[in-house]
C-alpha cells in the first residue's frame, strides 16, 4: 500500500473518530445530559454548559460534526473521481485547517477562561490535528 493511500485511510479513520465524538457531544448538549467523564479526568459539564459551547444557539459540537462529515464526504468523493482530486484535497485541507485553528482557540478558552478541560474536546482537537497533518502530507507529496 502506497503512502498516499495510508495517509488517506488515516484521515478517514480520524475523521470518523472525530465525527462520533462530536455527535456524542452534540447529543449531550441538546439533551441537557451530563457527559460521561471519569472523576479526576476533566470537567465536561463546565465546558459543555459554558457560553462558549454554542454559537447563536448552535452547539459547537454540531459544527464539528458537520466539519468531520464534510471531510468524510470529500475523501469518499475522491475515490469516485467526481470532483478533481486537487479540489478534494484542498477542501479537506481547508476544513481541517479551520478546524485546527478553532480547536486551538477553544483549547485556550478551556484553559485560560473556563479553567476546565473536556476530554472529549481534546479527542476532537487531536483528531482534527491528525487529519490536518495527514492532508498536509498528501498535498506536499503531490507537489514534490
N, C-alpha and C. Protein backbone atom coordinates (compact mmCIF):
# COMPACT_ATOMS: atom_id res chain seq x y z
N UNK A 1 0.86 -1.17 0.00
CA UNK A 1 0.00 0.00 0.00
C UNK A 1 0.90 1.23 0.00
N UNK A 2 0.62 2.18 -0.92
CA UNK A 2 1.48 3.35 -1.01
C UNK A 2 1.17 4.36 0.10
N UNK A 3 2.07 5.30 0.27
CA UNK A 3 1.97 6.28 1.36
C UNK A 3 0.71 7.12 1.24
N UNK A 4 0.36 7.55 0.04
CA UNK A 4 -0.82 8.39 -0.14
C UNK A 4 -2.07 7.65 0.34
N UNK A 5 -2.19 6.40 0.01
CA UNK A 5 -3.36 5.60 0.43
C UNK A 5 -3.38 5.44 1.95
N UNK A 6 -2.23 5.22 2.56
CA UNK A 6 -2.16 5.09 4.02
C UNK A 6 -2.59 6.39 4.70
N UNK A 7 -2.12 7.52 4.16
CA UNK A 7 -2.49 8.81 4.73
C UNK A 7 -3.98 9.07 4.58
N UNK A 8 -4.54 8.69 3.44
CA UNK A 8 -5.97 8.87 3.22
C UNK A 8 -6.77 8.01 4.19
N UNK A 9 -6.38 6.76 4.35
CA UNK A 9 -7.08 5.86 5.29
C UNK A 9 -6.97 6.41 6.71
N UNK A 10 -5.79 6.91 7.07
CA UNK A 10 -5.61 7.52 8.39
C UNK A 10 -6.54 8.70 8.58
N UNK A 11 -6.66 9.55 7.56
CA UNK A 11 -7.56 10.71 7.63
C UNK A 11 -9.00 10.26 7.76
N UNK A 12 -9.38 9.20 7.05
CA UNK A 12 -10.73 8.65 7.16
C UNK A 12 -11.01 8.16 8.57
N UNK A 13 -10.07 7.42 9.14
CA UNK A 13 -10.25 6.85 10.48
C UNK A 13 -10.38 7.97 11.52
N UNK A 14 -9.48 8.93 11.48
CA UNK A 14 -9.52 10.01 12.47
C UNK A 14 -10.73 10.91 12.27
N UNK A 15 -11.18 11.07 11.02
CA UNK A 15 -12.41 11.83 10.78
C UNK A 15 -13.62 11.10 11.36
N UNK A 16 -13.63 9.80 11.23
CA UNK A 16 -14.72 9.01 11.80
C UNK A 16 -14.72 9.09 13.32
N UNK A 17 -13.55 9.01 13.93
CA UNK A 17 -13.42 9.17 15.38
C UNK A 17 -13.94 10.55 15.80
N UNK A 18 -13.52 11.58 15.08
CA UNK A 18 -13.97 12.94 15.38
C UNK A 18 -15.47 13.10 15.21
N UNK A 19 -16.02 12.48 14.18
CA UNK A 19 -17.47 12.56 13.94
C UNK A 19 -18.24 11.91 15.09
N UNK A 20 -17.83 10.72 15.50
CA UNK A 20 -18.51 10.03 16.61
C UNK A 20 -18.41 10.86 17.88
N UNK A 21 -17.23 11.37 18.16
CA UNK A 21 -17.00 12.21 19.34
C UNK A 21 -17.89 13.45 19.30
N UNK A 22 -17.93 14.12 18.17
CA UNK A 22 -18.73 15.34 18.03
C UNK A 22 -20.23 15.05 18.13
N UNK A 23 -20.65 13.94 17.55
CA UNK A 23 -22.07 13.58 17.65
C UNK A 23 -22.46 13.30 19.10
N UNK A 24 -21.57 12.64 19.83
CA UNK A 24 -21.85 12.38 21.25
C UNK A 24 -21.97 13.70 22.01
N UNK A 25 -21.03 14.61 21.80
CA UNK A 25 -21.08 15.91 22.48
C UNK A 25 -22.30 16.73 22.06
N UNK A 26 -22.72 16.59 20.82
CA UNK A 26 -23.94 17.26 20.36
C UNK A 26 -25.15 16.72 21.11
N UNK A 27 -25.22 15.40 21.21
CA UNK A 27 -26.32 14.76 21.94
C UNK A 27 -26.33 15.22 23.40
N UNK A 28 -25.15 15.26 24.02
CA UNK A 28 -25.05 15.71 25.42
C UNK A 28 -25.58 17.14 25.54
N UNK A 29 -25.18 18.00 24.63
CA UNK A 29 -25.59 19.40 24.69
C UNK A 29 -27.09 19.56 24.46
N UNK A 30 -27.61 18.91 23.43
CA UNK A 30 -29.02 19.08 23.08
C UNK A 30 -29.98 18.40 24.05
N UNK A 31 -29.53 17.31 24.66
CA UNK A 31 -30.39 16.57 25.59
C UNK A 31 -30.23 17.06 27.03
N UNK A 32 -29.33 18.02 27.22
CA UNK A 32 -29.04 18.55 28.56
C UNK A 32 -28.64 17.41 29.52
N UNK A 33 -27.87 16.49 29.00
CA UNK A 33 -27.37 15.36 29.75
C UNK A 33 -25.93 15.65 30.17
N UNK A 34 -25.52 15.08 31.26
CA UNK A 34 -24.14 15.25 31.69
C UNK A 34 -23.27 14.23 30.96
N UNK A 35 -22.15 14.68 30.42
CA UNK A 35 -21.24 13.80 29.69
C UNK A 35 -20.62 12.78 30.63
N UNK A 36 -20.33 11.63 30.09
CA UNK A 36 -19.74 10.55 30.87
C UNK A 36 -18.24 10.79 31.02
N UNK A 37 -17.88 11.61 32.01
CA UNK A 37 -16.48 11.88 32.30
C UNK A 37 -16.10 11.15 33.58
N UNK A 38 -14.95 10.51 33.55
CA UNK A 38 -14.48 9.83 34.74
C UNK A 38 -14.01 10.86 35.76
N UNK A 39 -14.29 10.63 37.03
CA UNK A 39 -13.83 11.58 38.06
C UNK A 39 -12.32 11.79 37.98
N UNK A 40 -11.92 13.03 38.08
CA UNK A 40 -10.50 13.35 38.05
C UNK A 40 -9.93 13.51 36.65
N UNK A 41 -10.75 13.26 35.61
CA UNK A 41 -10.27 13.40 34.23
C UNK A 41 -11.10 14.47 33.54
N UNK A 42 -10.86 15.69 33.90
CA UNK A 42 -11.53 16.80 33.25
C UNK A 42 -12.86 17.16 33.88
N UNK A 43 -13.46 18.20 33.32
CA UNK A 43 -14.74 18.69 33.80
C UNK A 43 -15.60 19.01 32.59
N UNK A 44 -16.21 17.96 32.05
CA UNK A 44 -17.01 18.10 30.83
C UNK A 44 -18.20 19.03 31.05
N UNK A 45 -18.81 18.96 32.21
CA UNK A 45 -20.02 19.74 32.48
C UNK A 45 -19.73 21.24 32.41
N UNK A 46 -18.64 21.68 33.02
CA UNK A 46 -18.30 23.11 32.99
C UNK A 46 -18.08 23.60 31.57
N UNK A 47 -17.40 22.80 30.78
CA UNK A 47 -17.11 23.20 29.40
C UNK A 47 -18.39 23.18 28.57
N UNK A 48 -19.17 22.12 28.70
CA UNK A 48 -20.35 21.94 27.86
C UNK A 48 -21.49 22.91 28.19
N UNK A 49 -21.49 23.45 29.40
CA UNK A 49 -22.54 24.41 29.77
C UNK A 49 -22.05 25.86 29.71
N UNK A 50 -20.82 26.06 29.29
CA UNK A 50 -20.28 27.42 29.20
C UNK A 50 -20.88 28.16 28.00
N UNK A 51 -20.81 29.47 28.03
CA UNK A 51 -21.32 30.24 26.88
C UNK A 51 -20.55 29.98 25.59
N UNK A 52 -19.37 29.39 25.71
CA UNK A 52 -18.54 29.12 24.54
C UNK A 52 -18.91 27.81 23.84
N UNK A 53 -19.86 27.06 24.39
CA UNK A 53 -20.23 25.76 23.84
C UNK A 53 -21.23 25.86 22.69
N UNK A 54 -21.66 27.08 22.37
CA UNK A 54 -22.61 27.27 21.27
C UNK A 54 -22.39 28.64 20.63
N UNK A 55 -22.76 28.73 19.37
CA UNK A 55 -22.74 30.00 18.63
C UNK A 55 -24.16 30.22 18.12
N UNK A 56 -24.77 31.29 18.59
CA UNK A 56 -26.15 31.60 18.22
C UNK A 56 -27.07 30.39 18.44
N UNK A 57 -26.85 29.70 19.54
CA UNK A 57 -27.68 28.56 19.90
C UNK A 57 -27.31 27.26 19.22
N UNK A 58 -26.35 27.29 18.31
CA UNK A 58 -25.91 26.06 17.62
C UNK A 58 -24.72 25.50 18.37
N UNK A 59 -24.83 24.25 18.87
CA UNK A 59 -23.71 23.67 19.60
C UNK A 59 -22.44 23.60 18.75
N UNK A 60 -21.34 23.98 19.34
CA UNK A 60 -20.04 23.89 18.67
C UNK A 60 -19.79 22.46 18.21
N UNK A 61 -20.20 21.50 19.02
CA UNK A 61 -20.01 20.09 18.66
C UNK A 61 -20.74 19.74 17.37
N UNK A 62 -21.89 20.33 17.14
CA UNK A 62 -22.64 20.08 15.90
C UNK A 62 -21.88 20.65 14.70
N UNK A 63 -21.27 21.81 14.88
CA UNK A 63 -20.43 22.37 13.81
C UNK A 63 -19.24 21.46 13.54
N UNK A 64 -18.66 20.91 14.61
CA UNK A 64 -17.56 19.96 14.45
C UNK A 64 -18.00 18.71 13.71
N UNK A 65 -19.18 18.20 14.04
CA UNK A 65 -19.71 17.02 13.35
C UNK A 65 -19.88 17.32 11.87
N UNK A 66 -20.37 18.53 11.56
CA UNK A 66 -20.51 18.93 10.16
C UNK A 66 -19.17 18.98 9.43
N UNK A 67 -18.16 19.45 10.13
CA UNK A 67 -16.81 19.51 9.53
C UNK A 67 -16.29 18.10 9.26
N UNK A 68 -16.41 17.22 10.25
CA UNK A 68 -15.93 15.84 10.05
C UNK A 68 -16.71 15.14 8.95
N UNK A 69 -18.03 15.35 8.90
CA UNK A 69 -18.84 14.73 7.86
C UNK A 69 -18.44 15.26 6.49
N UNK A 70 -18.19 16.55 6.39
CA UNK A 70 -17.74 17.14 5.12
C UNK A 70 -16.41 16.53 4.66
N UNK A 71 -15.51 16.35 5.61
CA UNK A 71 -14.22 15.73 5.28
C UNK A 71 -14.43 14.30 4.78
N UNK A 72 -15.27 13.54 5.48
CA UNK A 72 -15.54 12.16 5.06
C UNK A 72 -16.15 12.13 3.66
N UNK A 73 -17.06 13.03 3.38
CA UNK A 73 -17.69 13.08 2.05
C UNK A 73 -16.65 13.41 0.99
N UNK A 74 -15.82 14.42 1.25
CA UNK A 74 -14.79 14.78 0.27
C UNK A 74 -13.82 13.63 0.03
N UNK A 75 -13.40 12.96 1.10
CA UNK A 75 -12.49 11.82 0.93
C UNK A 75 -13.17 10.69 0.16
N UNK A 76 -14.47 10.50 0.39
CA UNK A 76 -15.20 9.47 -0.36
C UNK A 76 -15.36 9.84 -1.83
N UNK A 77 -15.62 11.11 -2.11
CA UNK A 77 -15.76 11.56 -3.49
C UNK A 77 -14.44 11.44 -4.25
N UNK A 78 -13.34 11.53 -3.54
CA UNK A 78 -12.03 11.44 -4.18
C UNK A 78 -11.88 10.12 -4.93
N UNK A 79 -12.36 9.06 -4.33
CA UNK A 79 -12.23 7.74 -4.94
C UNK A 79 -13.11 7.62 -6.18
N UNK A 80 -14.25 8.27 -6.16
CA UNK A 80 -15.18 8.19 -7.30
C UNK A 80 -14.76 9.12 -8.44
N UNK A 81 -13.84 10.01 -8.16
CA UNK A 81 -13.31 10.96 -9.15
C UNK A 81 -14.41 11.82 -9.79
N UNK A 82 -15.42 12.14 -8.99
CA UNK A 82 -16.50 13.02 -9.46
C UNK A 82 -16.04 14.47 -9.47
N UNK A 83 -15.08 14.77 -8.62
CA UNK A 83 -14.52 16.10 -8.49
C UNK A 83 -13.01 15.95 -8.66
N UNK A 84 -12.35 16.91 -9.29
CA UNK A 84 -10.89 16.78 -9.43
C UNK A 84 -10.21 16.53 -8.07
N UNK A 85 -9.25 15.64 -8.07
CA UNK A 85 -8.59 15.22 -6.83
C UNK A 85 -7.96 16.39 -6.09
N UNK A 86 -7.46 17.38 -6.83
CA UNK A 86 -6.85 18.54 -6.19
C UNK A 86 -7.89 19.33 -5.39
N UNK A 87 -9.11 19.43 -5.92
CA UNK A 87 -10.18 20.13 -5.22
C UNK A 87 -10.52 19.42 -3.92
N UNK A 88 -10.61 18.10 -3.99
CA UNK A 88 -10.91 17.33 -2.79
C UNK A 88 -9.84 17.54 -1.72
N UNK A 89 -8.61 17.42 -2.10
CA UNK A 89 -7.52 17.55 -1.13
C UNK A 89 -7.46 18.96 -0.55
N UNK A 90 -7.65 19.96 -1.39
CA UNK A 90 -7.65 21.33 -0.89
C UNK A 90 -8.87 21.59 0.00
N UNK A 91 -10.00 20.98 -0.34
CA UNK A 91 -11.19 21.10 0.50
C UNK A 91 -10.97 20.52 1.88
N UNK A 92 -10.41 19.32 1.93
CA UNK A 92 -10.11 18.67 3.22
C UNK A 92 -9.07 19.48 3.98
N UNK A 93 -8.07 19.98 3.25
CA UNK A 93 -7.05 20.80 3.89
C UNK A 93 -7.67 22.05 4.51
N UNK A 94 -8.51 22.74 3.76
CA UNK A 94 -9.14 23.97 4.26
C UNK A 94 -10.02 23.72 5.47
N UNK A 95 -10.85 22.69 5.40
CA UNK A 95 -11.74 22.38 6.52
C UNK A 95 -10.92 22.01 7.75
N UNK A 96 -9.91 21.17 7.56
CA UNK A 96 -9.11 20.74 8.71
C UNK A 96 -8.26 21.88 9.26
N UNK A 97 -7.79 22.79 8.41
CA UNK A 97 -7.03 23.95 8.89
C UNK A 97 -7.92 24.83 9.77
N UNK A 98 -9.12 25.13 9.29
CA UNK A 98 -10.06 25.92 10.09
C UNK A 98 -10.38 25.18 11.39
N UNK A 99 -10.57 23.86 11.30
CA UNK A 99 -10.86 23.06 12.49
C UNK A 99 -9.73 23.09 13.51
N UNK A 100 -8.50 23.01 13.04
CA UNK A 100 -7.35 23.05 13.95
C UNK A 100 -7.24 24.43 14.61
N UNK A 101 -7.39 25.47 13.82
CA UNK A 101 -7.30 26.82 14.38
C UNK A 101 -8.41 27.08 15.40
N UNK A 102 -9.63 26.64 15.09
CA UNK A 102 -10.73 26.85 16.02
C UNK A 102 -10.57 25.97 17.26
N UNK A 103 -10.05 24.76 17.08
CA UNK A 103 -9.78 23.88 18.23
C UNK A 103 -8.73 24.49 19.14
N UNK A 104 -7.72 25.13 18.56
CA UNK A 104 -6.70 25.79 19.37
C UNK A 104 -7.32 26.92 20.17
N UNK A 105 -8.19 27.69 19.54
CA UNK A 105 -8.89 28.77 20.24
C UNK A 105 -9.73 28.21 21.39
N UNK A 106 -10.48 27.15 21.11
CA UNK A 106 -11.34 26.56 22.15
C UNK A 106 -10.51 25.95 23.29
N UNK A 107 -9.37 25.39 22.96
CA UNK A 107 -8.49 24.85 24.00
C UNK A 107 -7.98 25.98 24.88
N UNK A 108 -7.62 27.10 24.27
CA UNK A 108 -7.23 28.28 25.04
C UNK A 108 -8.36 28.71 25.97
N UNK A 109 -9.57 28.76 25.45
CA UNK A 109 -10.74 29.16 26.25
C UNK A 109 -10.91 28.19 27.43
N UNK A 110 -10.78 26.91 27.16
CA UNK A 110 -10.91 25.92 28.25
C UNK A 110 -9.88 26.18 29.35
N UNK A 111 -8.64 26.39 28.97
CA UNK A 111 -7.55 26.52 29.94
C UNK A 111 -7.56 27.89 30.62
N UNK A 112 -7.68 28.96 29.83
CA UNK A 112 -7.49 30.31 30.37
C UNK A 112 -8.76 30.97 30.89
N UNK A 113 -9.92 30.59 30.36
CA UNK A 113 -11.15 31.28 30.74
C UNK A 113 -12.04 30.40 31.61
N UNK A 114 -12.33 29.20 31.13
CA UNK A 114 -13.24 28.31 31.86
C UNK A 114 -12.51 27.59 33.01
N UNK A 115 -11.22 27.39 32.84
CA UNK A 115 -10.39 26.66 33.81
C UNK A 115 -10.89 25.24 34.00
N UNK A 116 -11.25 24.61 32.89
CA UNK A 116 -11.70 23.22 32.89
C UNK A 116 -11.39 22.62 31.53
N UNK A 117 -11.08 21.34 31.52
CA UNK A 117 -10.77 20.64 30.28
C UNK A 117 -11.80 19.53 30.08
N UNK A 118 -12.32 19.45 28.86
CA UNK A 118 -13.24 18.37 28.49
C UNK A 118 -12.45 17.34 27.68
N UNK A 119 -12.29 16.12 28.19
CA UNK A 119 -11.52 15.11 27.44
C UNK A 119 -12.07 14.85 26.04
N UNK A 120 -13.39 14.95 25.87
CA UNK A 120 -13.98 14.73 24.55
C UNK A 120 -13.57 15.84 23.59
N UNK A 121 -13.44 17.05 24.10
CA UNK A 121 -12.98 18.17 23.27
C UNK A 121 -11.52 17.95 22.87
N UNK A 122 -10.73 17.41 23.77
CA UNK A 122 -9.33 17.12 23.48
C UNK A 122 -9.24 16.04 22.39
N UNK A 123 -10.09 15.02 22.49
CA UNK A 123 -10.11 13.96 21.46
C UNK A 123 -10.43 14.57 20.10
N UNK A 124 -11.42 15.46 20.06
CA UNK A 124 -11.79 16.09 18.79
C UNK A 124 -10.65 16.95 18.25
N UNK A 125 -10.01 17.71 19.12
CA UNK A 125 -8.90 18.56 18.69
C UNK A 125 -7.75 17.73 18.14
N UNK A 126 -7.44 16.61 18.79
CA UNK A 126 -6.37 15.73 18.32
C UNK A 126 -6.76 15.09 16.99
N UNK A 127 -8.00 14.63 16.89
CA UNK A 127 -8.46 14.01 15.64
C UNK A 127 -8.34 15.00 14.48
N UNK A 128 -8.78 16.24 14.70
CA UNK A 128 -8.71 17.25 13.63
C UNK A 128 -7.26 17.57 13.29
N UNK A 129 -6.39 17.64 14.29
CA UNK A 129 -4.97 17.91 14.04
C UNK A 129 -4.35 16.79 13.20
N UNK A 130 -4.67 15.55 13.51
CA UNK A 130 -4.12 14.42 12.76
C UNK A 130 -4.63 14.44 11.31
N UNK A 131 -5.92 14.72 11.13
CA UNK A 131 -6.47 14.83 9.77
C UNK A 131 -5.74 15.93 9.02
N UNK A 132 -5.52 17.06 9.67
CA UNK A 132 -4.80 18.18 9.04
C UNK A 132 -3.39 17.76 8.63
N UNK A 133 -2.66 17.11 9.52
CA UNK A 133 -1.28 16.70 9.23
C UNK A 133 -1.25 15.69 8.08
N UNK A 134 -2.15 14.71 8.12
CA UNK A 134 -2.19 13.72 7.03
C UNK A 134 -2.52 14.39 5.70
N UNK A 135 -3.44 15.32 5.71
CA UNK A 135 -3.83 16.01 4.48
C UNK A 135 -2.69 16.90 3.98
N UNK A 136 -2.03 17.58 4.90
CA UNK A 136 -0.87 18.40 4.51
C UNK A 136 0.21 17.52 3.88
N UNK A 137 0.45 16.38 4.48
CA UNK A 137 1.45 15.47 3.92
C UNK A 137 1.06 15.00 2.52
N UNK A 138 -0.23 14.75 2.32
CA UNK A 138 -0.70 14.34 0.98
C UNK A 138 -0.50 15.48 -0.02
N UNK A 139 -0.81 16.70 0.39
CA UNK A 139 -0.63 17.86 -0.50
C UNK A 139 0.84 18.07 -0.85
N UNK A 140 1.69 17.98 0.16
CA UNK A 140 3.12 18.19 -0.09
C UNK A 140 3.69 17.09 -0.97
N UNK A 141 3.19 15.88 -0.80
CA UNK A 141 3.65 14.74 -1.60
C UNK A 141 3.31 14.96 -3.07
N UNK A 142 2.12 15.49 -3.35
CA UNK A 142 1.74 15.71 -4.75
C UNK A 142 2.49 16.88 -5.37
N UNK A 143 2.98 17.81 -4.54
CA UNK A 143 3.74 18.95 -5.04
C UNK A 143 5.18 18.59 -5.36
N UNK A 144 5.66 17.52 -4.77
CA UNK A 144 7.07 17.12 -4.95
C UNK A 144 7.30 16.43 -6.27
